[in-house]
Amino acid sequence: MDKGRMEAFSDGVIAIIITIMVLGIAAPDGTGLSDLLGLLPAIAAYAVSFIGVGTYWNNHHHLLKLVNCVNGRMLWSNLAFLFVLSFFPLATDWMQKTGFAALPTTCYVIVNMLVSLTYMNLERVIRRELSQSCPPNPASEREAERRAMVEKRSLLKERLTLGLETVGLVIALVLPSSHIALVAIVIAFLLWIVPDLRIVRLLDFLAEEQE
């Protein structure tokens, strides 16, 4: 199957997710500044989720640059990622409506962890398929060293992400001020603003091969 269908479907689902999240912010009934300020918790929750979903969309778009056609493993891995990502509106709405209470915030952090795991799985599936069709040059020691270095750095970023999300989960479970857990989640999002270096390296390698 051509990757265009999977890419278009994914973009549509992600756009709907963001739309549902912003529609969860109800307009204030009054006209005063205090009425507007009352929306700050909802806006803050939406902003955190928007950053997260937007960061995943950016990385997903970058990831699919590696793909010319998709197979069943890619499709199901992508669907698993989108399935978990689609819980963002529900988790965000519940968290902000309950004033960042412990259980809703815990569920929000768990959704983030599951999204991270399913995205990392999708990344691995695509890289595995690509490595079979475009293996590294065994005669190039420099190429092997550079791939090993990039792999090590990217694995570190994945571990840091899961570590920060685990910290957020513990904070949400233990501390009465569960909204502090969102700080760890935002930091985890920021780690992925720059797309995975393994993908950048593979794209550079493919470009060199075509020249």
N, C-alpha and C. Protein backbone atom coordinates (compact mmCIF):
# COMPACT_ATOMS: atom_id res chain seq x y z
N MET A 1 0.84 -1.20 0.00
CA MET A 1 0.00 0.00 0.00
C MET A 1 0.87 1.25 0.00
N ASP A 2 0.44 2.27 -0.74
CA ASP A 2 1.16 3.54 -0.75
C ASP A 2 1.03 4.21 0.61
N LYS A 3 2.13 4.86 1.05
CA LYS A 3 2.12 5.47 2.38
C LYS A 3 1.15 6.64 2.48
N GLY A 4 0.73 7.20 1.34
CA GLY A 4 -0.13 8.38 1.35
C GLY A 4 -1.43 8.17 2.10
N ARG A 5 -2.01 6.97 1.97
CA ARG A 5 -3.28 6.69 2.65
C ARG A 5 -3.10 6.67 4.17
N MET A 6 -2.03 6.02 4.64
CA MET A 6 -1.78 5.97 6.07
C MET A 6 -1.45 7.35 6.61
N GLU A 7 -0.69 8.12 5.85
CA GLU A 7 -0.32 9.47 6.27
C GLU A 7 -1.54 10.37 6.35
N ALA A 8 -2.41 10.31 5.33
CA ALA A 8 -3.61 11.15 5.31
C ALA A 8 -4.56 10.76 6.44
N PHE A 9 -4.72 9.46 6.66
CA PHE A 9 -5.59 8.99 7.75
C PHE A 9 -5.06 9.46 9.10
N SER A 10 -3.76 9.34 9.31
CA SER A 10 -3.14 9.75 10.58
C SER A 10 -3.30 11.25 10.80
N ASP A 11 -3.05 12.05 9.75
CA ASP A 11 -3.21 13.50 9.87
C ASP A 11 -4.64 13.87 10.22
N GLY A 12 -5.60 13.17 9.61
CA GLY A 12 -7.01 13.44 9.89
C GLY A 12 -7.38 13.13 11.32
N VAL A 13 -6.91 11.98 11.82
CA VAL A 13 -7.21 11.59 13.21
C VAL A 13 -6.59 12.59 14.18
N ILE A 14 -5.35 12.98 13.94
CA ILE A 14 -4.68 13.93 14.84
C ILE A 14 -5.37 15.29 14.81
N ALA A 15 -5.81 15.73 13.64
CA ALA A 15 -6.53 17.01 13.54
C ALA A 15 -7.84 16.95 14.33
N ILE A 16 -8.54 15.83 14.25
CA ILE A 16 -9.79 15.67 15.00
C ILE A 16 -9.52 15.67 16.50
N ILE A 17 -8.45 15.02 16.92
CA ILE A 17 -8.09 14.99 18.34
C ILE A 17 -7.89 16.40 18.88
N ILE A 18 -7.14 17.22 18.15
CA ILE A 18 -6.89 18.60 18.59
C ILE A 18 -8.19 19.40 18.60
N THR A 19 -9.04 19.20 17.60
CA THR A 19 -10.32 19.91 17.53
C THR A 19 -11.20 19.57 18.72
N ILE A 20 -11.28 18.28 19.06
CA ILE A 20 -12.10 17.86 20.20
C ILE A 20 -11.57 18.46 21.49
N MET A 21 -10.25 18.53 21.63
CA MET A 21 -9.67 19.09 22.85
C MET A 21 -10.05 20.55 23.03
N VAL A 22 -9.96 21.34 21.97
CA VAL A 22 -10.26 22.77 22.11
C VAL A 22 -11.76 22.99 22.31
N LEU A 23 -12.59 22.12 21.75
CA LEU A 23 -14.03 22.24 21.96
C LEU A 23 -14.42 21.91 23.40
N GLY A 24 -13.51 21.26 24.12
CA GLY A 24 -13.78 20.97 25.53
C GLY A 24 -13.67 22.19 26.43
N ILE A 25 -13.16 23.30 25.89
CA ILE A 25 -13.08 24.54 26.67
C ILE A 25 -14.35 25.34 26.41
N ALA A 26 -15.21 25.38 27.39
CA ALA A 26 -16.48 26.10 27.24
C ALA A 26 -16.27 27.60 27.41
N ALA A 27 -16.94 28.39 26.59
CA ALA A 27 -16.85 29.85 26.71
C ALA A 27 -17.46 30.30 28.04
N PRO A 28 -16.89 31.33 28.67
CA PRO A 28 -17.43 31.79 29.96
C PRO A 28 -18.81 32.40 29.79
N ASP A 29 -19.63 32.27 30.82
CA ASP A 29 -20.99 32.82 30.78
C ASP A 29 -20.98 34.33 30.98
N GLY A 30 -20.04 34.81 31.78
CA GLY A 30 -19.99 36.24 32.06
C GLY A 30 -19.10 36.99 31.10
N THR A 31 -19.00 38.30 31.33
CA THR A 31 -18.19 39.16 30.46
C THR A 31 -17.01 39.80 31.19
N GLY A 32 -16.83 39.44 32.44
CA GLY A 32 -15.76 40.04 33.22
C GLY A 32 -14.45 39.29 33.09
N LEU A 33 -13.38 39.95 33.54
CA LEU A 33 -12.06 39.34 33.50
C LEU A 33 -11.99 38.11 34.39
N SER A 34 -12.70 38.17 35.52
CA SER A 34 -12.70 37.02 36.43
C SER A 34 -13.30 35.78 35.77
N ASP A 35 -14.30 36.00 34.90
CA ASP A 35 -14.88 34.86 34.18
C ASP A 35 -13.86 34.23 33.23
N LEU A 36 -13.07 35.10 32.58
CA LEU A 36 -12.05 34.60 31.67
C LEU A 36 -10.93 33.89 32.42
N LEU A 37 -10.56 34.46 33.57
CA LEU A 37 -9.50 33.84 34.37
C LEU A 37 -9.91 32.47 34.88
N GLY A 38 -11.21 32.27 35.02
CA GLY A 38 -11.70 30.96 35.46
C GLY A 38 -11.42 29.86 34.46
N LEU A 39 -11.10 30.25 33.22
CA LEU A 39 -10.80 29.26 32.18
C LEU A 39 -9.33 28.86 32.15
N LEU A 40 -8.50 29.51 32.97
CA LEU A 40 -7.06 29.26 32.91
C LEU A 40 -6.69 27.79 33.12
N PRO A 41 -7.30 27.08 34.09
CA PRO A 41 -6.96 25.66 34.23
C PRO A 41 -7.26 24.86 32.96
N ALA A 42 -8.40 25.14 32.33
CA ALA A 42 -8.77 24.43 31.11
C ALA A 42 -7.81 24.78 29.97
N ILE A 43 -7.44 26.06 29.88
CA ILE A 43 -6.51 26.48 28.83
C ILE A 43 -5.12 25.88 29.06
N ALA A 44 -4.70 25.82 30.33
CA ALA A 44 -3.39 25.23 30.65
C ALA A 44 -3.35 23.75 30.28
N ALA A 45 -4.42 23.03 30.62
CA ALA A 45 -4.48 21.60 30.29
C ALA A 45 -4.48 21.40 28.78
N TYR A 46 -5.24 22.26 28.08
CA TYR A 46 -5.27 22.17 26.61
C TYR A 46 -3.90 22.47 26.01
N ALA A 47 -3.22 23.48 26.55
CA ALA A 47 -1.91 23.86 26.02
C ALA A 47 -0.90 22.73 26.16
N VAL A 48 -0.91 22.07 27.33
CA VAL A 48 0.01 20.95 27.55
C VAL A 48 -0.28 19.83 26.55
N SER A 49 -1.56 19.50 26.39
CA SER A 49 -1.93 18.42 25.47
C SER A 49 -1.66 18.80 24.02
N PHE A 50 -1.89 20.07 23.68
CA PHE A 50 -1.62 20.52 22.31
C PHE A 50 -0.14 20.38 21.98
N ILE A 51 0.72 20.79 22.93
CA ILE A 51 2.16 20.64 22.73
C ILE A 51 2.51 19.17 22.51
N GLY A 52 1.90 18.30 23.33
CA GLY A 52 2.19 16.88 23.20
C GLY A 52 1.74 16.30 21.88
N VAL A 53 0.48 16.54 21.52
CA VAL A 53 -0.05 15.99 20.26
C VAL A 53 0.69 16.60 19.07
N GLY A 54 0.97 17.90 19.14
CA GLY A 54 1.69 18.55 18.05
C GLY A 54 3.10 18.00 17.88
N THR A 55 3.76 17.73 18.99
CA THR A 55 5.11 17.16 18.92
C THR A 55 5.09 15.77 18.31
N TYR A 56 4.09 14.98 18.70
CA TYR A 56 3.97 13.64 18.11
C TYR A 56 3.65 13.72 16.62
N TRP A 57 2.80 14.66 16.24
CA TRP A 57 2.48 14.82 14.82
C TRP A 57 3.73 15.17 14.02
N ASN A 58 4.53 16.09 14.56
CA ASN A 58 5.76 16.50 13.88
C ASN A 58 6.71 15.31 13.70
N ASN A 59 6.90 14.53 14.76
CA ASN A 59 7.78 13.37 14.68
C ASN A 59 7.21 12.29 13.77
N HIS A 60 5.89 12.11 13.81
CA HIS A 60 5.22 11.13 12.95
C HIS A 60 5.40 11.50 11.49
N HIS A 61 5.22 12.78 11.18
CA HIS A 61 5.40 13.27 9.81
C HIS A 61 6.84 13.02 9.35
N HIS A 62 7.79 13.31 10.23
CA HIS A 62 9.20 13.12 9.91
C HIS A 62 9.51 11.64 9.72
N LEU A 63 8.92 10.80 10.56
CA LEU A 63 9.15 9.36 10.48
C LEU A 63 8.69 8.78 9.15
N LEU A 64 7.53 9.23 8.68
CA LEU A 64 6.98 8.67 7.45
C LEU A 64 7.74 9.10 6.20
N LYS A 65 8.66 10.06 6.34
CA LYS A 65 9.51 10.41 5.20
C LYS A 65 10.40 9.23 4.80
N LEU A 66 10.62 8.33 5.75
CA LEU A 66 11.47 7.17 5.48
C LEU A 66 10.76 6.11 4.64
N VAL A 67 9.43 6.21 4.56
CA VAL A 67 8.63 5.11 4.03
C VAL A 67 8.15 5.43 2.61
N ASN A 68 8.25 4.46 1.73
CA ASN A 68 7.67 4.57 0.39
C ASN A 68 6.35 3.81 0.29
N CYS A 69 6.29 2.65 0.93
CA CYS A 69 5.06 1.87 0.97
C CYS A 69 4.95 1.25 2.35
N VAL A 70 3.75 0.84 2.73
CA VAL A 70 3.51 0.31 4.07
C VAL A 70 3.04 -1.13 3.98
N ASN A 71 3.31 -1.89 5.05
CA ASN A 71 2.84 -3.26 5.14
C ASN A 71 1.93 -3.41 6.35
N GLY A 72 1.50 -4.63 6.62
CA GLY A 72 0.56 -4.86 7.71
C GLY A 72 1.11 -4.47 9.07
N ARG A 73 2.38 -4.78 9.32
CA ARG A 73 2.97 -4.44 10.62
C ARG A 73 2.97 -2.94 10.85
N MET A 74 3.30 -2.18 9.82
CA MET A 74 3.29 -0.72 9.95
C MET A 74 1.88 -0.20 10.20
N LEU A 75 0.91 -0.73 9.47
CA LEU A 75 -0.48 -0.28 9.62
C LEU A 75 -0.99 -0.52 11.03
N TRP A 76 -0.77 -1.73 11.55
CA TRP A 76 -1.29 -2.03 12.88
C TRP A 76 -0.53 -1.28 13.96
N SER A 77 0.77 -1.10 13.79
CA SER A 77 1.54 -0.32 14.75
C SER A 77 1.08 1.13 14.76
N ASN A 78 0.77 1.66 13.58
CA ASN A 78 0.28 3.03 13.47
C ASN A 78 -1.11 3.16 14.09
N LEU A 79 -1.97 2.17 13.87
CA LEU A 79 -3.31 2.20 14.46
C LEU A 79 -3.24 2.13 15.98
N ALA A 80 -2.32 1.33 16.51
CA ALA A 80 -2.16 1.25 17.97
C ALA A 80 -1.74 2.61 18.53
N PHE A 81 -0.83 3.29 17.84
CA PHE A 81 -0.41 4.63 18.25
C PHE A 81 -1.57 5.61 18.23
N LEU A 82 -2.35 5.61 17.15
CA LEU A 82 -3.48 6.54 17.03
C LEU A 82 -4.57 6.21 18.03
N PHE A 83 -4.78 4.93 18.31
CA PHE A 83 -5.80 4.52 19.29
C PHE A 83 -5.51 5.13 20.65
N VAL A 84 -4.28 4.99 21.12
CA VAL A 84 -3.93 5.54 22.43
C VAL A 84 -3.94 7.06 22.40
N LEU A 85 -3.44 7.64 21.30
CA LEU A 85 -3.42 9.10 21.17
C LEU A 85 -4.83 9.69 21.23
N SER A 86 -5.81 8.95 20.76
CA SER A 86 -7.19 9.45 20.72
C SER A 86 -7.80 9.59 22.11
N PHE A 87 -7.13 9.08 23.15
CA PHE A 87 -7.62 9.25 24.52
C PHE A 87 -7.18 10.58 25.12
N PHE A 88 -6.37 11.34 24.41
CA PHE A 88 -5.92 12.64 24.93
C PHE A 88 -7.09 13.57 25.26
N PRO A 89 -8.10 13.74 24.38
CA PRO A 89 -9.20 14.65 24.73
C PRO A 89 -9.94 14.25 26.00
N LEU A 90 -10.22 12.95 26.15
CA LEU A 90 -10.92 12.47 27.35
C LEU A 90 -10.09 12.70 28.60
N ALA A 91 -8.82 12.32 28.55
CA ALA A 91 -7.95 12.47 29.71
C ALA A 91 -7.74 13.94 30.06
N THR A 92 -7.58 14.78 29.04
CA THR A 92 -7.38 16.21 29.27
C THR A 92 -8.62 16.85 29.90
N ASP A 93 -9.79 16.53 29.36
CA ASP A 93 -11.04 17.12 29.85
C ASP A 93 -11.32 16.70 31.29
N TRP A 94 -11.13 15.42 31.58
CA TRP A 94 -11.38 14.92 32.94
C TRP A 94 -10.42 15.57 33.93
N MET A 95 -9.17 15.71 33.53
CA MET A 95 -8.16 16.28 34.43
C MET A 95 -8.47 17.73 34.76
N GLN A 96 -8.81 18.54 33.74
CA GLN A 96 -9.03 19.97 34.01
C GLN A 96 -10.35 20.22 34.72
N LYS A 97 -11.38 19.40 34.45
CA LYS A 97 -12.68 19.59 35.10
C LYS A 97 -12.65 19.22 36.57
N THR A 98 -11.72 18.37 36.97
CA THR A 98 -11.61 17.96 38.37
C THR A 98 -10.52 18.72 39.11
N GLY A 99 -10.02 19.78 38.48
CA GLY A 99 -9.00 20.59 39.13
C GLY A 99 -7.69 19.86 39.34
N PHE A 100 -7.31 19.04 38.37
CA PHE A 100 -6.06 18.28 38.42
C PHE A 100 -6.00 17.36 39.64
N ALA A 101 -7.12 16.70 39.92
CA ALA A 101 -7.18 15.73 41.02
C ALA A 101 -6.26 14.55 40.73
N ALA A 102 -5.97 13.78 41.78
CA ALA A 102 -4.96 12.73 41.68
C ALA A 102 -5.28 11.68 40.63
N LEU A 103 -6.47 11.08 40.69
CA LEU A 103 -6.79 9.99 39.76
C LEU A 103 -6.85 10.46 38.31
N PRO A 104 -7.55 11.56 37.99
CA PRO A 104 -7.56 12.02 36.60
C PRO A 104 -6.17 12.36 36.07
N THR A 105 -5.34 12.99 36.91
CA THR A 105 -3.99 13.33 36.47
C THR A 105 -3.15 12.07 36.27
N THR A 106 -3.35 11.09 37.15
CA THR A 106 -2.66 9.81 37.00
C THR A 106 -3.03 9.15 35.67
N CYS A 107 -4.32 9.15 35.36
CA CYS A 107 -4.78 8.58 34.09
C CYS A 107 -4.19 9.34 32.90
N TYR A 108 -4.09 10.66 33.03
CA TYR A 108 -3.50 11.47 31.96
C TYR A 108 -2.04 11.08 31.73
N VAL A 109 -1.30 10.90 32.82
CA VAL A 109 0.11 10.51 32.70
C VAL A 109 0.23 9.12 32.08
N ILE A 110 -0.67 8.20 32.47
CA ILE A 110 -0.64 6.85 31.90
C ILE A 110 -0.90 6.89 30.40
N VAL A 111 -1.84 7.74 29.97
CA VAL A 111 -2.10 7.89 28.53
C VAL A 111 -0.83 8.35 27.83
N ASN A 112 -0.12 9.31 28.42
CA ASN A 112 1.13 9.79 27.83
C ASN A 112 2.17 8.67 27.72
N MET A 113 2.26 7.84 28.75
CA MET A 113 3.22 6.74 28.72
C MET A 113 2.88 5.74 27.62
N LEU A 114 1.59 5.44 27.47
CA LEU A 114 1.17 4.49 26.44
C LEU A 114 1.40 5.05 25.04
N VAL A 115 1.16 6.35 24.88
CA VAL A 115 1.42 6.98 23.58
C VAL A 115 2.91 6.90 23.25
N SER A 116 3.76 7.17 24.23
CA SER A 116 5.21 7.09 24.01
C SER A 116 5.62 5.68 23.59
N LEU A 117 5.10 4.68 24.29
CA LEU A 117 5.47 3.30 24.00
C LEU A 117 5.00 2.86 22.62
N THR A 118 3.78 3.24 22.25
CA THR A 118 3.26 2.83 20.94
C THR A 118 3.97 3.57 19.81
N TYR A 119 4.35 4.83 20.05
CA TYR A 119 5.10 5.56 19.02
C TYR A 119 6.50 4.96 18.85
N MET A 120 7.15 4.65 19.96
CA MET A 120 8.48 4.04 19.88
C MET A 120 8.42 2.70 19.16
N ASN A 121 7.34 1.96 19.39
CA ASN A 121 7.17 0.68 18.69
C ASN A 121 7.00 0.90 17.18
N LEU A 122 6.19 1.91 16.80
CA LEU A 122 6.02 2.23 15.39
C LEU A 122 7.36 2.60 14.76
N GLU A 123 8.13 3.38 15.48
CA GLU A 123 9.45 3.79 14.99
C GLU A 123 10.34 2.58 14.74
N ARG A 124 10.33 1.64 15.68
CA ARG A 124 11.16 0.44 15.55
C ARG A 124 10.72 -0.42 14.37
N VAL A 125 9.41 -0.55 14.19
CA VAL A 125 8.89 -1.35 13.07
C VAL A 125 9.35 -0.76 11.74
N ILE A 126 9.24 0.56 11.60
CA ILE A 126 9.63 1.21 10.34
C ILE A 126 11.13 1.12 10.13
N ARG A 127 11.91 1.35 11.17
CA ARG A 127 13.37 1.27 11.02
C ARG A 127 13.81 -0.16 10.70
N ARG A 128 13.12 -1.15 11.28
CA ARG A 128 13.47 -2.54 10.99
C ARG A 128 13.22 -2.87 9.52
N GLU A 129 12.07 -2.40 9.03
CA GLU A 129 11.76 -2.65 7.62
C GLU A 129 12.75 -1.94 6.71
N LEU A 130 13.14 -0.72 7.11
CA LEU A 130 14.08 0.05 6.29
C LEU A 130 15.48 -0.57 6.31
N SER A 131 15.90 -1.07 7.48
CA SER A 131 17.23 -1.65 7.58
C SER A 131 17.37 -2.90 6.72
N GLN A 132 16.25 -3.60 6.50
CA GLN A 132 16.28 -4.78 5.64
C GLN A 132 16.41 -4.41 4.17
N SER A 133 15.80 -3.26 3.80
CA SER A 133 15.87 -2.82 2.40
C SER A 133 17.07 -1.94 2.13
N CYS A 134 17.62 -1.34 3.20
CA CYS A 134 18.78 -0.44 3.03
C CYS A 134 19.76 -0.67 4.18
N PRO A 135 20.45 -1.81 4.22
CA PRO A 135 21.37 -2.11 5.32
C PRO A 135 22.60 -1.21 5.29
N PRO A 136 23.26 -1.02 6.43
CA PRO A 136 24.48 -0.22 6.44
C PRO A 136 25.59 -0.90 5.66
N ASN A 137 26.49 -0.10 5.15
CA ASN A 137 27.61 -0.61 4.38
C ASN A 137 28.64 -1.24 5.32
N PRO A 138 28.81 -2.58 5.28
CA PRO A 138 29.74 -3.22 6.22
C PRO A 138 31.18 -2.81 6.00
N ALA A 139 31.49 -2.30 4.81
CA ALA A 139 32.87 -1.90 4.51
C ALA A 139 33.19 -0.52 5.06
N SER A 140 32.18 0.21 5.48
CA SER A 140 32.39 1.58 5.96
C SER A 140 32.42 1.58 7.48
N GLU A 141 33.61 1.67 8.05
CA GLU A 141 33.74 1.69 9.51
C GLU A 141 33.17 2.98 10.08
N ARG A 142 33.37 4.08 9.36
CA ARG A 142 32.84 5.37 9.81
C ARG A 142 31.32 5.35 9.85
N GLU A 143 30.71 4.74 8.83
CA GLU A 143 29.25 4.64 8.79
C GLU A 143 28.73 3.84 9.97
N ALA A 144 29.40 2.74 10.29
CA ALA A 144 28.98 1.90 11.41
C ALA A 144 29.11 2.64 12.73
N GLU A 145 30.20 3.40 12.89
CA GLU A 145 30.42 4.16 14.12
C GLU A 145 29.37 5.24 14.29
N ARG A 146 29.05 5.94 13.20
CA ARG A 146 28.07 7.02 13.28
C ARG A 146 26.68 6.47 13.60
N ARG A 147 26.33 5.35 13.01
CA ARG A 147 25.02 4.74 13.30
C ARG A 147 24.95 4.29 14.76
N ALA A 148 26.05 3.72 15.25
CA ALA A 148 26.07 3.26 16.64
C ALA A 148 25.94 4.44 17.60
N MET A 149 26.60 5.57 17.29
CA MET A 149 26.53 6.75 18.14
C MET A 149 25.12 7.33 18.16
N VAL A 150 24.50 7.43 16.99
CA VAL A 150 23.14 7.97 16.89
C VAL A 150 22.16 7.06 17.62
N GLU A 151 22.34 5.74 17.46
CA GLU A 151 21.47 4.78 18.14
C GLU A 151 21.56 4.95 19.65
N LYS A 152 22.77 5.13 20.16
CA LYS A 152 22.97 5.28 21.60
C LYS A 152 22.29 6.54 22.11
N ARG A 153 22.45 7.66 21.38
CA ARG A 153 21.83 8.92 21.82
C ARG A 153 20.32 8.84 21.78
N SER A 154 19.78 8.20 20.75
CA SER A 154 18.33 8.12 20.62
C SER A 154 17.72 7.21 21.67
N LEU A 155 18.41 6.12 21.99
CA LEU A 155 17.94 5.25 23.06
C LEU A 155 17.94 5.98 24.39
N LEU A 156 18.94 6.85 24.59
CA LEU A 156 18.99 7.65 25.80
C LEU A 156 17.78 8.57 25.89
N LYS A 157 17.39 9.17 24.76
CA LYS A 157 16.22 10.06 24.75
C LYS A 157 14.94 9.28 25.08
N GLU A 158 14.83 8.07 24.55
CA GLU A 158 13.65 7.26 24.85
C GLU A 158 13.60 6.92 26.34
N ARG A 159 14.74 6.56 26.91
CA ARG A 159 14.78 6.22 28.33
C ARG A 159 14.49 7.43 29.20
N LEU A 160 15.02 8.60 28.81
CA LEU A 160 14.72 9.82 29.55
C LEU A 160 13.23 10.13 29.51
N THR A 161 12.61 9.94 28.34
CA THR A 161 11.18 10.19 28.20
C THR A 161 10.37 9.31 29.13
N LEU A 162 10.63 8.02 29.09
CA LEU A 162 9.90 7.09 29.96
C LEU A 162 10.22 7.34 31.42
N GLY A 163 11.46 7.75 31.71
CA GLY A 163 11.82 8.08 33.08
C GLY A 163 11.06 9.29 33.60
N LEU A 164 10.97 10.34 32.78
CA LEU A 164 10.22 11.53 33.18
C LEU A 164 8.74 11.23 33.36
N GLU A 165 8.19 10.40 32.48
CA GLU A 165 6.78 10.03 32.61
C GLU A 165 6.54 9.18 33.85
N THR A 166 7.51 8.36 34.21
CA THR A 166 7.40 7.59 35.45
C THR A 166 7.44 8.50 36.66
N VAL A 167 8.32 9.50 36.62
CA VAL A 167 8.37 10.50 37.70
C VAL A 167 7.03 11.22 37.81
N GLY A 168 6.46 11.61 36.65
CA GLY A 168 5.16 12.25 36.66
C GLY A 168 4.08 11.37 37.26
N LEU A 169 4.15 10.08 36.96
CA LEU A 169 3.17 9.13 37.50
C LEU A 169 3.28 9.03 39.02
N VAL A 170 4.51 8.96 39.52
CA VAL A 170 4.72 8.88 40.97
C VAL A 170 4.23 10.15 41.65
N ILE A 171 4.54 11.31 41.06
CA ILE A 171 4.08 12.58 41.63
C ILE A 171 2.56 12.63 41.69
N ALA A 172 1.91 12.21 40.61
CA ALA A 172 0.44 12.23 40.56
C ALA A 172 -0.16 11.31 41.60
N LEU A 173 0.51 10.21 41.90
CA LEU A 173 -0.01 9.25 42.88
C LEU A 173 0.26 9.66 44.32
N VAL A 174 1.39 10.35 44.54
CA VAL A 174 1.84 10.60 45.91
C VAL A 174 1.52 12.00 46.41
N LEU A 175 1.81 13.02 45.60
CA LEU A 175 1.66 14.39 46.06
C LEU A 175 0.22 14.87 45.93
N PRO A 176 -0.24 15.69 46.89
CA PRO A 176 -1.60 16.24 46.78
C PRO A 176 -1.75 17.22 45.61
N SER A 177 -0.67 17.92 45.28
CA SER A 177 -0.70 18.85 44.14
C SER A 177 -0.30 18.10 42.87
N SER A 178 -1.26 17.39 42.29
CA SER A 178 -0.94 16.50 41.18
C SER A 178 -0.55 17.25 39.92
N HIS A 179 -0.92 18.55 39.83
CA HIS A 179 -0.59 19.28 38.61
C HIS A 179 0.91 19.43 38.42
N ILE A 180 1.69 19.23 39.49
CA ILE A 180 3.14 19.30 39.37
C ILE A 180 3.65 18.20 38.45
N ALA A 181 2.89 17.11 38.36
CA ALA A 181 3.28 16.00 37.48
C ALA A 181 3.37 16.45 36.02
N LEU A 182 2.60 17.48 35.67
CA LEU A 182 2.60 17.96 34.29
C LEU A 182 3.93 18.58 33.89
N VAL A 183 4.70 19.06 34.87
CA VAL A 183 6.01 19.62 34.56
C VAL A 183 6.90 18.54 33.95
N ALA A 184 6.88 17.36 34.55
CA ALA A 184 7.68 16.24 34.00
C ALA A 184 7.20 15.86 32.61
N ILE A 185 5.88 15.90 32.40
CA ILE A 185 5.32 15.54 31.10
C ILE A 185 5.75 16.55 30.03
N VAL A 186 5.70 17.84 30.37
CA VAL A 186 6.10 18.88 29.41
C VAL A 186 7.58 18.74 29.05
N ILE A 187 8.42 18.46 30.05
CA ILE A 187 9.85 18.26 29.76
C ILE A 187 10.04 17.08 28.82
N ALA A 188 9.26 16.01 29.03
CA ALA A 188 9.34 14.85 28.13
C ALA A 188 8.93 15.23 26.71
N PHE A 189 7.90 16.07 26.58
CA PHE A 189 7.49 16.54 25.25
C PHE A 189 8.62 17.32 24.58
N LEU A 190 9.28 18.18 25.37
CA LEU A 190 10.31 19.04 24.81
C LEU A 190 11.50 18.24 24.27
N LEU A 191 11.72 17.06 24.82
CA LEU A 191 12.81 16.21 24.33
C LEU A 191 12.61 15.81 22.88
N TRP A 192 11.34 15.81 22.44
CA TRP A 192 11.01 15.33 21.10
C TRP A 192 10.72 16.45 20.12
N ILE A 193 10.96 17.71 20.53
CA ILE A 193 10.77 18.82 19.59
C ILE A 193 11.71 18.65 18.39
N VAL A 194 12.95 18.23 18.67
CA VAL A 194 13.86 17.86 17.59
C VAL A 194 13.61 16.39 17.28
N PRO A 195 13.25 16.05 16.04
CA PRO A 195 12.93 14.66 15.70
C PRO A 195 14.08 13.70 15.98
N ASP A 196 13.75 12.43 16.05
CA ASP A 196 14.70 11.37 16.37
C ASP A 196 15.92 11.44 15.45
N LEU A 197 17.10 11.49 16.04
CA LEU A 197 18.34 11.60 15.26
C LEU A 197 18.58 10.38 14.39
N ARG A 198 18.03 9.22 14.79
CA ARG A 198 18.19 8.05 13.94
C ARG A 198 17.52 8.26 12.59
N ILE A 199 16.37 8.94 12.62
CA ILE A 199 15.64 9.19 11.38
C ILE A 199 16.40 10.19 10.52
N VAL A 200 16.90 11.26 11.16
CA VAL A 200 17.69 12.26 10.44
C VAL A 200 18.89 11.60 9.77
N ARG A 201 19.56 10.72 10.52
CA ARG A 201 20.74 10.05 9.97
C ARG A 201 20.37 9.14 8.80
N LEU A 202 19.28 8.41 8.93
CA LEU A 202 18.86 7.53 7.85
C LEU A 202 18.46 8.31 6.61
N LEU A 203 17.81 9.46 6.81
CA LEU A 203 17.44 10.30 5.67
C LEU A 203 18.69 10.82 4.96
N ASP A 204 19.68 11.22 5.74
CA ASP A 204 20.94 11.68 5.14
C ASP A 204 21.62 10.55 4.37
N PHE A 205 21.56 9.36 4.95
CA PHE A 205 22.19 8.21 4.30
C PHE A 205 21.51 7.89 2.98
N LEU A 206 20.16 7.93 2.98
CA LEU A 206 19.42 7.66 1.75
C LEU A 206 19.70 8.72 0.69
N ALA A 207 19.83 9.98 1.13
CA ALA A 207 20.13 11.05 0.18
C ALA A 207 21.51 10.85 -0.45
N GLU A 208 22.48 10.42 0.37
CA GLU A 208 23.82 10.16 -0.15
C GLU A 208 23.81 9.01 -1.15
N GLU A 209 22.97 7.99 -0.88
CA GLU A 209 22.90 6.84 -1.77
C GLU A 209 22.33 7.22 -3.14
N GLN A 210 21.42 8.21 -3.14
CA GLN A 210 20.77 8.61 -4.39
C GLN A 210 21.65 9.50 -5.24
N GLU A 211 22.65 10.12 -4.63
CA GLU A 211 23.54 11.03 -5.37
C GLU A 211 24.54 10.25 -6.23
